[in-house]
Amino acid sequence: MEFSWYWKQIVKVKEKFKELNLTHFCPNGIYRTAEGYKALVLNHEKVSWYREVWNRTIIPKHRFILWLAVLDRLQMKDRLFRFNTTTDYLCLICGSNRETREHVFFDCHLRSSCLRKIKSWLEWKTAASTTHKLLRWIAKARLSQFRKQVLMVALAAMIYQIWWCRNEALWNQKVYTANIIVQRIQFNVKYRIRSIMPNNVQLIERTWFEKL
């Protein structure tokens, strides 16, 4: 009998729990999820991008999709093809390249146009063009904390809106232009930043943002 990949992973976790000493994360005989999680990921490597991805300024649902994108865990057709759950691995927009993370978000002609337009809009002067490189650039850039937050909100919104556009093509057979996607990103950024902008933002930064 064939079982799904997800079920096999659950069974693996179950077997791993059997090998652990439960007394370490069941103080007083009460199981605590947090302690159980820590026991399972003792050797988990700390990533360099967590502060940027889990920035509270970012819209929560955008933050989640960005996290999955960084981990390359979104259900791209290339990924599904490797798991033998589909026979088609081509991009839903261009139809000529494998639908991978980097292709969907940055290489496909429609998506690369979005990135250029967002960089121009925000005066974002960087040649970086992949998720990890853009995150690294933001982390190391000599910019104010406010401007870094704007860039992170924009990057997360772009990833989210491109993924939304991809799913619209998959489920509703609708393909949106780069201009429409960019407009949605701009709306997300302006609405989010204005709703949480602190009072101590410098006038020069506030003026820059209001002119966007």
N, C-alpha and C. Protein backbone atom coordinates (compact mmCIF):
# COMPACT_ATOMS: atom_id res chain seq x y z
N MET A 1 0.85 -1.21 0.00
CA MET A 1 0.00 0.00 0.00
C MET A 1 0.88 1.25 0.00
N GLU A 2 0.57 2.21 -0.86
CA GLU A 2 1.34 3.44 -0.97
C GLU A 2 0.86 4.47 0.05
N PHE A 3 1.81 5.06 0.77
CA PHE A 3 1.47 6.11 1.72
C PHE A 3 2.06 7.43 1.24
N SER A 4 1.43 8.52 1.64
CA SER A 4 1.91 9.83 1.23
C SER A 4 3.23 10.15 1.89
N TRP A 5 3.97 11.05 1.29
CA TRP A 5 5.26 11.49 1.83
C TRP A 5 5.08 12.08 3.22
N TYR A 6 3.99 12.85 3.43
CA TYR A 6 3.75 13.49 4.71
C TYR A 6 3.51 12.46 5.82
N TRP A 7 2.77 11.41 5.49
CA TRP A 7 2.50 10.37 6.49
C TRP A 7 3.79 9.67 6.89
N LYS A 8 4.68 9.44 5.93
CA LYS A 8 5.96 8.80 6.21
C LYS A 8 6.79 9.66 7.16
N GLN A 9 6.72 10.99 6.99
CA GLN A 9 7.47 11.88 7.88
C GLN A 9 6.92 11.84 9.30
N ILE A 10 5.58 11.75 9.41
CA ILE A 10 4.95 11.66 10.73
C ILE A 10 5.39 10.39 11.44
N VAL A 11 5.44 9.29 10.68
CA VAL A 11 5.87 8.01 11.26
C VAL A 11 7.33 8.11 11.73
N LYS A 12 8.19 8.80 10.95
CA LYS A 12 9.58 8.97 11.34
C LYS A 12 9.70 9.72 12.66
N VAL A 13 8.88 10.79 12.81
CA VAL A 13 8.90 11.57 14.05
C VAL A 13 8.46 10.70 15.22
N LYS A 14 7.44 9.89 14.98
CA LYS A 14 6.94 8.99 16.03
C LYS A 14 8.04 8.04 16.50
N GLU A 15 8.77 7.47 15.54
CA GLU A 15 9.84 6.54 15.89
C GLU A 15 10.98 7.26 16.63
N LYS A 16 11.24 8.51 16.24
CA LYS A 16 12.29 9.27 16.90
C LYS A 16 11.92 9.56 18.35
N PHE A 17 10.64 9.86 18.58
CA PHE A 17 10.17 10.12 19.94
C PHE A 17 10.37 8.89 20.83
N LYS A 18 10.21 7.71 20.23
CA LYS A 18 10.36 6.48 21.01
C LYS A 18 11.79 6.33 21.52
N GLU A 19 12.74 6.91 20.76
CA GLU A 19 14.15 6.79 21.13
C GLU A 19 14.58 7.81 22.18
N LEU A 20 13.75 8.83 22.40
CA LEU A 20 14.12 9.90 23.33
C LEU A 20 13.75 9.56 24.77
N ASN A 21 14.46 10.19 25.68
CA ASN A 21 14.16 10.06 27.10
C ASN A 21 13.08 11.09 27.45
N LEU A 22 11.87 10.62 27.63
CA LEU A 22 10.74 11.54 27.82
C LEU A 22 10.84 12.39 29.07
N THR A 23 11.61 11.95 30.04
CA THR A 23 11.69 12.72 31.30
C THR A 23 12.33 14.08 31.09
N HIS A 24 13.10 14.25 30.00
CA HIS A 24 13.77 15.53 29.74
C HIS A 24 12.79 16.62 29.35
N PHE A 25 11.71 16.27 28.69
CA PHE A 25 10.76 17.31 28.28
C PHE A 25 9.34 17.03 28.77
N CYS A 26 9.23 16.25 29.83
CA CYS A 26 7.94 16.04 30.50
C CYS A 26 8.10 16.28 32.00
N PRO A 27 8.44 17.51 32.38
CA PRO A 27 8.61 17.80 33.82
C PRO A 27 7.31 17.53 34.57
N ASN A 28 7.46 16.86 35.72
CA ASN A 28 6.30 16.51 36.55
C ASN A 28 5.31 15.61 35.82
N GLY A 29 5.82 14.91 34.79
CA GLY A 29 4.95 13.99 34.06
C GLY A 29 4.02 14.66 33.08
N ILE A 30 4.18 15.98 32.87
CA ILE A 30 3.30 16.72 31.95
C ILE A 30 4.08 17.04 30.67
N TYR A 31 3.54 16.61 29.54
CA TYR A 31 4.22 16.84 28.27
C TYR A 31 4.07 18.30 27.84
N ARG A 32 5.18 18.89 27.42
CA ARG A 32 5.17 20.28 26.94
C ARG A 32 5.65 20.29 25.50
N THR A 33 4.81 20.83 24.62
CA THR A 33 5.10 20.83 23.20
C THR A 33 6.43 21.51 22.89
N ALA A 34 6.69 22.64 23.55
CA ALA A 34 7.93 23.38 23.29
C ALA A 34 9.15 22.54 23.60
N GLU A 35 9.10 21.79 24.72
CA GLU A 35 10.23 20.96 25.10
C GLU A 35 10.40 19.79 24.15
N GLY A 36 9.27 19.25 23.69
CA GLY A 36 9.33 18.16 22.72
C GLY A 36 9.94 18.60 21.41
N TYR A 37 9.57 19.80 20.98
CA TYR A 37 10.13 20.35 19.74
C TYR A 37 11.64 20.53 19.87
N LYS A 38 12.08 21.08 21.00
CA LYS A 38 13.51 21.30 21.21
C LYS A 38 14.27 19.98 21.19
N ALA A 39 13.66 18.93 21.73
CA ALA A 39 14.32 17.62 21.76
C ALA A 39 14.50 17.05 20.36
N LEU A 40 13.57 17.40 19.46
CA LEU A 40 13.63 16.87 18.09
C LEU A 40 14.61 17.64 17.21
N VAL A 41 14.91 18.89 17.55
CA VAL A 41 15.76 19.71 16.69
C VAL A 41 17.00 20.19 17.43
N LEU A 42 17.60 19.30 18.18
CA LEU A 42 18.78 19.66 18.95
C LEU A 42 19.90 20.21 18.08
N ASN A 43 20.05 19.67 16.89
CA ASN A 43 21.15 20.05 16.01
C ASN A 43 20.70 21.05 14.93
N HIS A 44 19.58 21.72 15.19
CA HIS A 44 19.06 22.65 14.19
C HIS A 44 19.97 23.87 14.07
N GLU A 45 20.39 24.16 12.86
CA GLU A 45 21.32 25.28 12.62
C GLU A 45 20.58 26.61 12.62
N LYS A 46 21.15 27.59 13.30
CA LYS A 46 20.55 28.92 13.34
C LYS A 46 20.80 29.62 12.02
N VAL A 47 19.75 30.13 11.40
CA VAL A 47 19.87 30.76 10.09
C VAL A 47 20.16 32.25 10.24
N SER A 48 20.72 32.83 9.20
CA SER A 48 21.14 34.23 9.25
C SER A 48 20.00 35.20 8.94
N TRP A 49 18.91 34.68 8.37
CA TRP A 49 17.87 35.57 7.88
C TRP A 49 16.65 35.66 8.79
N TYR A 50 16.68 35.04 9.96
CA TYR A 50 15.45 34.94 10.76
C TYR A 50 14.94 36.31 11.21
N ARG A 51 15.85 37.25 11.52
CA ARG A 51 15.41 38.57 11.99
C ARG A 51 14.65 39.31 10.90
N GLU A 52 15.08 39.16 9.66
CA GLU A 52 14.43 39.85 8.55
C GLU A 52 13.08 39.19 8.22
N VAL A 53 13.09 37.86 8.10
CA VAL A 53 11.87 37.15 7.71
C VAL A 53 10.77 37.28 8.77
N TRP A 54 11.15 37.21 10.05
CA TRP A 54 10.15 37.27 11.12
C TRP A 54 9.99 38.67 11.69
N ASN A 55 10.34 39.66 10.89
CA ASN A 55 10.14 41.05 11.26
C ASN A 55 8.65 41.33 11.46
N ARG A 56 8.27 41.85 12.61
CA ARG A 56 6.85 42.06 12.91
C ARG A 56 6.21 43.14 12.05
N THR A 57 7.03 43.92 11.38
CA THR A 57 6.48 44.95 10.50
C THR A 57 5.78 44.31 9.30
N ILE A 58 6.25 43.16 8.88
CA ILE A 58 5.69 42.49 7.70
C ILE A 58 4.28 41.99 7.98
N ILE A 59 3.41 42.07 6.99
CA ILE A 59 2.05 41.53 7.11
C ILE A 59 2.15 40.04 7.43
N PRO A 60 1.48 39.54 8.45
CA PRO A 60 1.65 38.15 8.89
C PRO A 60 1.55 37.09 7.79
N LYS A 61 0.55 37.14 6.94
CA LYS A 61 0.43 36.11 5.90
C LYS A 61 1.55 36.23 4.88
N HIS A 62 2.06 37.44 4.66
CA HIS A 62 3.21 37.63 3.77
C HIS A 62 4.45 37.02 4.41
N ARG A 63 4.57 37.20 5.73
CA ARG A 63 5.71 36.66 6.47
C ARG A 63 5.77 35.14 6.34
N PHE A 64 4.62 34.50 6.41
CA PHE A 64 4.56 33.04 6.34
C PHE A 64 4.98 32.54 4.96
N ILE A 65 4.46 33.17 3.91
CA ILE A 65 4.81 32.76 2.54
C ILE A 65 6.29 33.04 2.26
N LEU A 66 6.80 34.16 2.77
CA LEU A 66 8.22 34.47 2.61
C LEU A 66 9.08 33.40 3.27
N TRP A 67 8.68 33.00 4.47
CA TRP A 67 9.40 31.94 5.19
C TRP A 67 9.45 30.64 4.37
N LEU A 68 8.31 30.24 3.82
CA LEU A 68 8.27 29.03 3.00
C LEU A 68 9.12 29.19 1.75
N ALA A 69 9.10 30.39 1.17
CA ALA A 69 9.91 30.63 -0.03
C ALA A 69 11.39 30.54 0.27
N VAL A 70 11.82 31.11 1.39
CA VAL A 70 13.23 31.07 1.78
C VAL A 70 13.68 29.62 1.99
N LEU A 71 12.81 28.82 2.59
CA LEU A 71 13.12 27.41 2.84
C LEU A 71 12.93 26.54 1.61
N ASP A 72 12.39 27.14 0.53
CA ASP A 72 12.08 26.40 -0.70
C ASP A 72 11.08 25.28 -0.41
N ARG A 73 10.03 25.62 0.33
CA ARG A 73 9.01 24.64 0.69
C ARG A 73 7.65 24.91 0.04
N LEU A 74 7.57 25.93 -0.79
CA LEU A 74 6.32 26.17 -1.52
C LEU A 74 6.15 25.06 -2.56
N GLN A 75 4.90 24.71 -2.83
CA GLN A 75 4.63 23.58 -3.71
C GLN A 75 4.80 23.95 -5.19
N MET A 76 6.04 24.23 -5.57
CA MET A 76 6.35 24.50 -6.97
C MET A 76 6.17 23.22 -7.79
N LYS A 77 5.88 23.37 -9.07
CA LYS A 77 5.67 22.19 -9.92
C LYS A 77 6.93 21.35 -10.04
N ASP A 78 8.10 22.00 -10.02
CA ASP A 78 9.34 21.24 -10.08
C ASP A 78 9.49 20.37 -8.83
N ARG A 79 9.12 20.92 -7.68
CA ARG A 79 9.19 20.17 -6.43
C ARG A 79 8.21 19.00 -6.44
N LEU A 80 6.98 19.25 -6.91
CA LEU A 80 5.96 18.20 -6.98
C LEU A 80 6.38 17.12 -7.97
N PHE A 81 7.04 17.53 -9.06
CA PHE A 81 7.52 16.57 -10.06
C PHE A 81 8.55 15.64 -9.45
N ARG A 82 9.44 16.19 -8.61
CA ARG A 82 10.47 15.37 -7.98
C ARG A 82 9.86 14.39 -6.97
N PHE A 83 8.67 14.73 -6.44
CA PHE A 83 7.98 13.83 -5.51
C PHE A 83 7.01 12.90 -6.24
N ASN A 84 7.06 12.96 -7.58
CA ASN A 84 6.22 12.09 -8.43
C ASN A 84 4.72 12.32 -8.21
N THR A 85 4.34 13.58 -7.92
CA THR A 85 2.92 13.89 -7.74
C THR A 85 2.34 14.64 -8.93
N THR A 86 3.19 14.93 -9.92
CA THR A 86 2.73 15.56 -11.16
C THR A 86 3.67 15.18 -12.29
N THR A 87 3.17 15.24 -13.51
CA THR A 87 4.02 14.93 -14.67
C THR A 87 4.44 16.18 -15.41
N ASP A 88 3.98 17.32 -14.93
CA ASP A 88 4.26 18.61 -15.58
C ASP A 88 5.08 19.48 -14.65
N TYR A 89 6.23 19.97 -15.09
CA TYR A 89 7.07 20.81 -14.23
C TYR A 89 7.31 22.19 -14.82
N LEU A 90 6.58 22.56 -15.88
CA LEU A 90 6.82 23.84 -16.53
C LEU A 90 6.09 25.00 -15.85
N CYS A 91 6.68 26.17 -15.94
CA CYS A 91 6.12 27.40 -15.37
C CYS A 91 4.73 27.67 -15.92
N LEU A 92 3.82 28.05 -15.04
CA LEU A 92 2.44 28.32 -15.45
C LEU A 92 2.31 29.60 -16.26
N ILE A 93 3.29 30.48 -16.16
CA ILE A 93 3.21 31.76 -16.87
C ILE A 93 3.89 31.69 -18.24
N CYS A 94 5.16 31.32 -18.24
CA CYS A 94 5.89 31.31 -19.51
C CYS A 94 5.81 29.97 -20.24
N GLY A 95 5.61 28.90 -19.50
CA GLY A 95 5.45 27.58 -20.11
C GLY A 95 6.69 27.01 -20.77
N SER A 96 7.85 27.61 -20.52
CA SER A 96 9.06 27.15 -21.20
C SER A 96 10.21 26.80 -20.26
N ASN A 97 10.05 27.06 -18.95
CA ASN A 97 11.11 26.75 -17.98
C ASN A 97 10.54 26.00 -16.80
N ARG A 98 11.41 25.29 -16.09
CA ARG A 98 10.98 24.59 -14.89
C ARG A 98 10.46 25.58 -13.85
N GLU A 99 9.37 25.23 -13.21
CA GLU A 99 8.80 26.11 -12.20
C GLU A 99 9.53 25.86 -10.87
N THR A 100 10.65 26.55 -10.70
CA THR A 100 11.42 26.48 -9.46
C THR A 100 11.19 27.78 -8.68
N ARG A 101 11.70 27.83 -7.47
CA ARG A 101 11.55 29.04 -6.65
C ARG A 101 12.16 30.25 -7.32
N GLU A 102 13.42 30.14 -7.75
CA GLU A 102 14.10 31.30 -8.33
C GLU A 102 13.47 31.71 -9.65
N HIS A 103 13.00 30.73 -10.41
CA HIS A 103 12.36 31.09 -11.69
C HIS A 103 11.06 31.84 -11.45
N VAL A 104 10.22 31.32 -10.56
CA VAL A 104 8.92 31.94 -10.31
C VAL A 104 9.05 33.36 -9.78
N PHE A 105 9.95 33.57 -8.83
CA PHE A 105 10.01 34.87 -8.17
C PHE A 105 10.94 35.88 -8.84
N PHE A 106 11.90 35.42 -9.64
CA PHE A 106 12.87 36.38 -10.17
C PHE A 106 13.27 36.20 -11.63
N ASP A 107 13.25 34.98 -12.16
CA ASP A 107 13.74 34.77 -13.52
C ASP A 107 12.67 34.88 -14.59
N CYS A 108 11.47 34.45 -14.29
CA CYS A 108 10.38 34.52 -15.27
C CYS A 108 10.19 35.99 -15.69
N HIS A 109 10.00 36.23 -16.96
CA HIS A 109 9.97 37.60 -17.49
C HIS A 109 8.97 38.50 -16.76
N LEU A 110 7.81 37.96 -16.39
CA LEU A 110 6.80 38.77 -15.71
C LEU A 110 7.28 39.16 -14.32
N ARG A 111 7.86 38.20 -13.60
CA ARG A 111 8.28 38.43 -12.24
C ARG A 111 9.52 39.31 -12.16
N SER A 112 10.47 39.10 -13.06
CA SER A 112 11.68 39.94 -13.05
C SER A 112 11.33 41.39 -13.31
N SER A 113 10.29 41.62 -14.10
CA SER A 113 9.82 42.98 -14.35
C SER A 113 9.28 43.61 -13.07
N CYS A 114 8.62 42.80 -12.24
CA CYS A 114 8.10 43.31 -10.96
C CYS A 114 9.24 43.76 -10.07
N LEU A 115 10.29 42.96 -10.00
CA LEU A 115 11.42 43.31 -9.14
C LEU A 115 12.07 44.61 -9.59
N ARG A 116 12.25 44.78 -10.90
CA ARG A 116 12.85 46.02 -11.42
C ARG A 116 11.99 47.23 -11.05
N LYS A 117 10.68 47.10 -11.19
CA LYS A 117 9.78 48.21 -10.91
C LYS A 117 9.77 48.55 -9.42
N ILE A 118 9.81 47.55 -8.56
CA ILE A 118 9.81 47.78 -7.12
C ILE A 118 11.12 48.44 -6.69
N LYS A 119 12.24 47.98 -7.26
CA LYS A 119 13.53 48.60 -6.94
C LYS A 119 13.54 50.06 -7.35
N SER A 120 13.01 50.36 -8.51
CA SER A 120 12.96 51.74 -8.99
C SER A 120 12.06 52.58 -8.09
N TRP A 121 10.92 52.04 -7.72
CA TRP A 121 9.95 52.76 -6.89
C TRP A 121 10.54 53.12 -5.53
N LEU A 122 11.30 52.20 -4.94
CA LEU A 122 11.86 52.40 -3.60
C LEU A 122 13.28 52.95 -3.61
N GLU A 123 13.80 53.26 -4.79
CA GLU A 123 15.19 53.72 -4.93
C GLU A 123 16.14 52.70 -4.29
N TRP A 124 15.84 51.44 -4.56
CA TRP A 124 16.56 50.31 -3.98
C TRP A 124 17.74 49.97 -4.89
N LYS A 125 18.91 50.49 -4.57
CA LYS A 125 20.07 50.37 -5.44
C LYS A 125 20.90 49.14 -5.10
N THR A 126 20.50 48.01 -5.66
CA THR A 126 21.23 46.76 -5.47
C THR A 126 21.06 45.88 -6.70
N ALA A 127 22.11 45.12 -6.99
CA ALA A 127 22.05 44.18 -8.12
C ALA A 127 21.52 42.82 -7.67
N ALA A 128 21.32 42.65 -6.36
CA ALA A 128 20.82 41.38 -5.83
C ALA A 128 19.49 41.03 -6.47
N SER A 129 19.32 39.75 -6.81
CA SER A 129 18.09 39.37 -7.51
C SER A 129 17.54 38.03 -7.05
N THR A 130 18.00 37.51 -5.90
CA THR A 130 17.42 36.29 -5.36
C THR A 130 16.96 36.57 -3.94
N THR A 131 16.10 35.71 -3.43
CA THR A 131 15.54 35.92 -2.10
C THR A 131 16.63 36.06 -1.04
N HIS A 132 17.56 35.12 -1.01
CA HIS A 132 18.60 35.13 0.02
C HIS A 132 19.52 36.34 -0.12
N LYS A 133 19.88 36.70 -1.34
CA LYS A 133 20.77 37.84 -1.55
C LYS A 133 20.10 39.15 -1.17
N LEU A 134 18.81 39.27 -1.47
CA LEU A 134 18.08 40.48 -1.09
C LEU A 134 17.95 40.59 0.42
N LEU A 135 17.70 39.47 1.09
CA LEU A 135 17.63 39.48 2.55
C LEU A 135 18.97 39.86 3.16
N ARG A 136 20.04 39.31 2.60
CA ARG A 136 21.38 39.61 3.10
C ARG A 136 21.72 41.08 2.89
N TRP A 137 21.31 41.61 1.72
CA TRP A 137 21.59 43.02 1.42
C TRP A 137 20.88 43.92 2.43
N ILE A 138 19.62 43.63 2.72
CA ILE A 138 18.86 44.44 3.67
C ILE A 138 19.51 44.39 5.06
N ALA A 139 19.94 43.20 5.46
CA ALA A 139 20.53 43.04 6.79
C ALA A 139 21.81 43.85 6.94
N LYS A 140 22.61 43.94 5.88
CA LYS A 140 23.91 44.58 5.96
C LYS A 140 23.91 46.03 5.48
N ALA A 141 22.83 46.47 4.87
CA ALA A 141 22.78 47.82 4.31
C ALA A 141 22.90 48.91 5.37
N ARG A 142 23.57 50.00 5.03
CA ARG A 142 23.70 51.14 5.93
C ARG A 142 22.52 52.07 5.71
N LEU A 143 21.39 51.63 6.19
CA LEU A 143 20.14 52.38 6.07
C LEU A 143 19.52 52.50 7.44
N SER A 144 18.58 53.42 7.56
CA SER A 144 17.86 53.57 8.82
C SER A 144 17.00 52.33 9.05
N GLN A 145 16.67 52.08 10.30
CA GLN A 145 15.83 50.93 10.63
C GLN A 145 14.48 51.04 9.94
N PHE A 146 13.95 52.27 9.85
CA PHE A 146 12.66 52.48 9.19
C PHE A 146 12.72 52.08 7.72
N ARG A 147 13.77 52.50 7.01
CA ARG A 147 13.84 52.19 5.59
C ARG A 147 14.06 50.69 5.38
N LYS A 148 14.80 50.05 6.25
CA LYS A 148 14.97 48.60 6.16
C LYS A 148 13.62 47.89 6.33
N GLN A 149 12.80 48.41 7.23
CA GLN A 149 11.48 47.82 7.45
C GLN A 149 10.61 47.97 6.21
N VAL A 150 10.69 49.12 5.56
CA VAL A 150 9.93 49.33 4.33
C VAL A 150 10.37 48.33 3.26
N LEU A 151 11.67 48.13 3.13
CA LEU A 151 12.18 47.19 2.14
C LEU A 151 11.74 45.76 2.44
N MET A 152 11.73 45.39 3.72
CA MET A 152 11.31 44.05 4.08
C MET A 152 9.82 43.85 3.81
N VAL A 153 9.02 44.84 4.12
CA VAL A 153 7.58 44.76 3.83
C VAL A 153 7.37 44.62 2.33
N ALA A 154 8.14 45.37 1.55
CA ALA A 154 8.02 45.32 0.09
C ALA A 154 8.45 43.97 -0.47
N LEU A 155 9.57 43.45 0.02
CA LEU A 155 10.05 42.15 -0.46
C LEU A 155 9.05 41.04 -0.14
N ALA A 156 8.55 41.03 1.09
CA ALA A 156 7.58 40.02 1.49
C ALA A 156 6.29 40.15 0.69
N ALA A 157 5.85 41.39 0.46
CA ALA A 157 4.64 41.62 -0.34
C ALA A 157 4.83 41.14 -1.77
N MET A 158 6.02 41.36 -2.32
CA MET A 158 6.29 40.93 -3.69
C MET A 158 6.25 39.41 -3.80
N ILE A 159 6.89 38.72 -2.84
CA ILE A 159 6.87 37.26 -2.84
C ILE A 159 5.44 36.76 -2.73
N TYR A 160 4.68 37.36 -1.83
CA TYR A 160 3.29 36.94 -1.61
C TYR A 160 2.44 37.17 -2.87
N GLN A 161 2.53 38.37 -3.45
CA GLN A 161 1.69 38.70 -4.60
C GLN A 161 2.06 37.88 -5.83
N ILE A 162 3.33 37.58 -6.01
CA ILE A 162 3.74 36.74 -7.14
C ILE A 162 3.21 35.31 -6.95
N TRP A 163 3.27 34.83 -5.70
CA TRP A 163 2.73 33.50 -5.42
C TRP A 163 1.22 33.48 -5.62
N TRP A 164 0.55 34.57 -5.21
CA TRP A 164 -0.89 34.69 -5.46
C TRP A 164 -1.18 34.67 -6.96
N CYS A 165 -0.40 35.41 -7.72
CA CYS A 165 -0.57 35.47 -9.18
C CYS A 165 -0.37 34.08 -9.79
N ARG A 166 0.65 33.37 -9.32
CA ARG A 166 0.91 32.01 -9.82
C ARG A 166 -0.28 31.10 -9.56
N ASN A 167 -0.86 31.20 -8.35
CA ASN A 167 -2.00 30.35 -8.00
C ASN A 167 -3.26 30.73 -8.77
N GLU A 168 -3.41 32.01 -9.09
CA GLU A 168 -4.52 32.43 -9.93
C GLU A 168 -4.42 31.79 -11.31
N ALA A 169 -3.20 31.70 -11.83
CA ALA A 169 -2.99 31.05 -13.13
C ALA A 169 -3.31 29.56 -13.04
N LEU A 170 -2.98 28.96 -11.90
CA LEU A 170 -3.22 27.52 -11.73
C LEU A 170 -4.69 27.19 -11.56
N TRP A 171 -5.36 27.91 -10.67
CA TRP A 171 -6.72 27.54 -10.29
C TRP A 171 -7.81 28.26 -11.09
N ASN A 172 -7.53 29.48 -11.54
CA ASN A 172 -8.57 30.26 -12.24
C ASN A 172 -8.20 30.61 -13.67
N GLN A 173 -7.03 30.14 -14.12
CA GLN A 173 -6.55 30.40 -15.49
C GLN A 173 -6.50 31.89 -15.81
N LYS A 174 -6.08 32.68 -14.80
CA LYS A 174 -5.92 34.12 -14.98
C LYS A 174 -4.46 34.49 -14.85
N VAL A 175 -3.97 35.29 -15.79
CA VAL A 175 -2.59 35.75 -15.74
C VAL A 175 -2.59 37.27 -15.67
N TYR A 176 -2.04 37.81 -14.59
CA TYR A 176 -2.04 39.25 -14.38
C TYR A 176 -0.75 39.86 -14.89
N THR A 177 -0.82 41.10 -15.32
CA THR A 177 0.36 41.80 -15.82
C THR A 177 1.25 42.24 -14.66
N ALA A 178 2.48 42.57 -14.99
CA ALA A 178 3.42 43.04 -13.97
C ALA A 178 2.92 44.33 -13.33
N ASN A 179 2.29 45.20 -14.10
CA ASN A 179 1.80 46.48 -13.55
C ASN A 179 0.74 46.25 -12.47
N ILE A 180 -0.14 45.27 -12.68
CA ILE A 180 -1.18 44.99 -11.69
C ILE A 180 -0.55 44.42 -10.42
N ILE A 181 0.41 43.53 -10.58
CA ILE A 181 1.08 42.94 -9.42
C ILE A 181 1.81 44.03 -8.63
N VAL A 182 2.50 44.91 -9.34
CA VAL A 182 3.23 46.00 -8.68
C VAL A 182 2.27 46.93 -7.94
N GLN A 183 1.12 47.22 -8.52
CA GLN A 183 0.13 48.06 -7.85
C GLN A 183 -0.35 47.42 -6.55
N ARG A 184 -0.54 46.11 -6.57
CA ARG A 184 -0.96 45.40 -5.36
C ARG A 184 0.14 45.44 -4.29
N ILE A 185 1.38 45.31 -4.73
CA ILE A 185 2.51 45.38 -3.80
C ILE A 185 2.59 46.77 -3.18
N GLN A 186 2.48 47.80 -4.00
CA GLN A 186 2.55 49.17 -3.53
C GLN A 186 1.44 49.47 -2.52
N PHE A 187 0.25 48.97 -2.80
CA PHE A 187 -0.87 49.17 -1.87
C PHE A 187 -0.56 48.50 -0.54
N ASN A 188 -0.08 47.26 -0.58
CA ASN A 188 0.28 46.53 0.65
C ASN A 188 1.30 47.30 1.47
N VAL A 189 2.34 47.80 0.81
CA VAL A 189 3.42 48.50 1.51
C VAL A 189 2.90 49.79 2.15
N LYS A 190 2.21 50.59 1.38
CA LYS A 190 1.72 51.87 1.89
C LYS A 190 0.74 51.67 3.05
N TYR A 191 -0.19 50.74 2.89
CA TYR A 191 -1.20 50.51 3.93
C TYR A 191 -0.55 49.99 5.21
N ARG A 192 0.37 49.04 5.06
CA ARG A 192 1.00 48.44 6.24
C ARG A 192 1.86 49.46 7.00
N ILE A 193 2.72 50.15 6.28
CA ILE A 193 3.63 51.09 6.94
C ILE A 193 2.85 52.23 7.59
N ARG A 194 1.85 52.76 6.91
CA ARG A 194 1.07 53.85 7.49
C ARG A 194 0.32 53.41 8.74
N SER A 195 -0.09 52.16 8.79
CA SER A 195 -0.87 51.68 9.93
C SER A 195 -0.02 51.43 11.17
N ILE A 196 1.30 51.27 11.00
CA ILE A 196 2.15 50.96 12.15
C ILE A 196 3.32 51.93 12.30
N MET A 197 3.36 52.98 11.50
CA MET A 197 4.49 53.91 11.54
C MET A 197 4.61 54.58 12.91
N PRO A 198 5.75 54.42 13.58
CA PRO A 198 5.92 55.04 14.90
C PRO A 198 6.08 56.55 14.79
N ASN A 199 5.84 57.26 15.88
CA ASN A 199 5.91 58.72 15.88
C ASN A 199 7.34 59.25 15.81
N ASN A 200 8.31 58.39 16.17
CA ASN A 200 9.69 58.87 16.23
C ASN A 200 10.46 58.71 14.91
N VAL A 201 9.76 58.39 13.83
CA VAL A 201 10.43 58.30 12.52
C VAL A 201 10.90 59.69 12.12
N GLN A 202 12.13 59.80 11.67
CA GLN A 202 12.68 61.10 11.30
C GLN A 202 11.89 61.72 10.15
N LEU A 203 11.85 63.03 10.14
CA LEU A 203 11.08 63.76 9.14
C LEU A 203 11.54 63.42 7.73
N ILE A 204 12.86 63.31 7.51
CA ILE A 204 13.37 63.01 6.18
C ILE A 204 12.91 61.65 5.69
N GLU A 205 12.81 60.68 6.61
CA GLU A 205 12.34 59.34 6.25
C GLU A 205 10.84 59.35 6.00
N ARG A 206 10.11 60.08 6.84
CA ARG A 206 8.66 60.17 6.67
C ARG A 206 8.31 60.85 5.34
N THR A 207 9.07 61.90 4.99
CA THR A 207 8.84 62.60 3.74
C THR A 207 9.14 61.70 2.54
N TRP A 208 10.24 60.96 2.63
CA TRP A 208 10.58 60.00 1.56
C TRP A 208 9.46 59.01 1.34
N PHE A 209 8.92 58.47 2.43
CA PHE A 209 7.87 57.47 2.31
C PHE A 209 6.60 58.06 1.73
N GLU A 210 6.20 59.23 2.20
CA GLU A 210 4.96 59.84 1.73
C GLU A 210 5.02 60.19 0.25
N LYS A 211 6.22 60.34 -0.30
CA LYS A 211 6.35 60.67 -1.72
C LYS A 211 6.31 59.44 -2.63
N LEU A 212 6.32 58.26 -2.02
CA LEU A 212 6.29 57.03 -2.83
C LEU A 212 4.99 56.91 -3.61
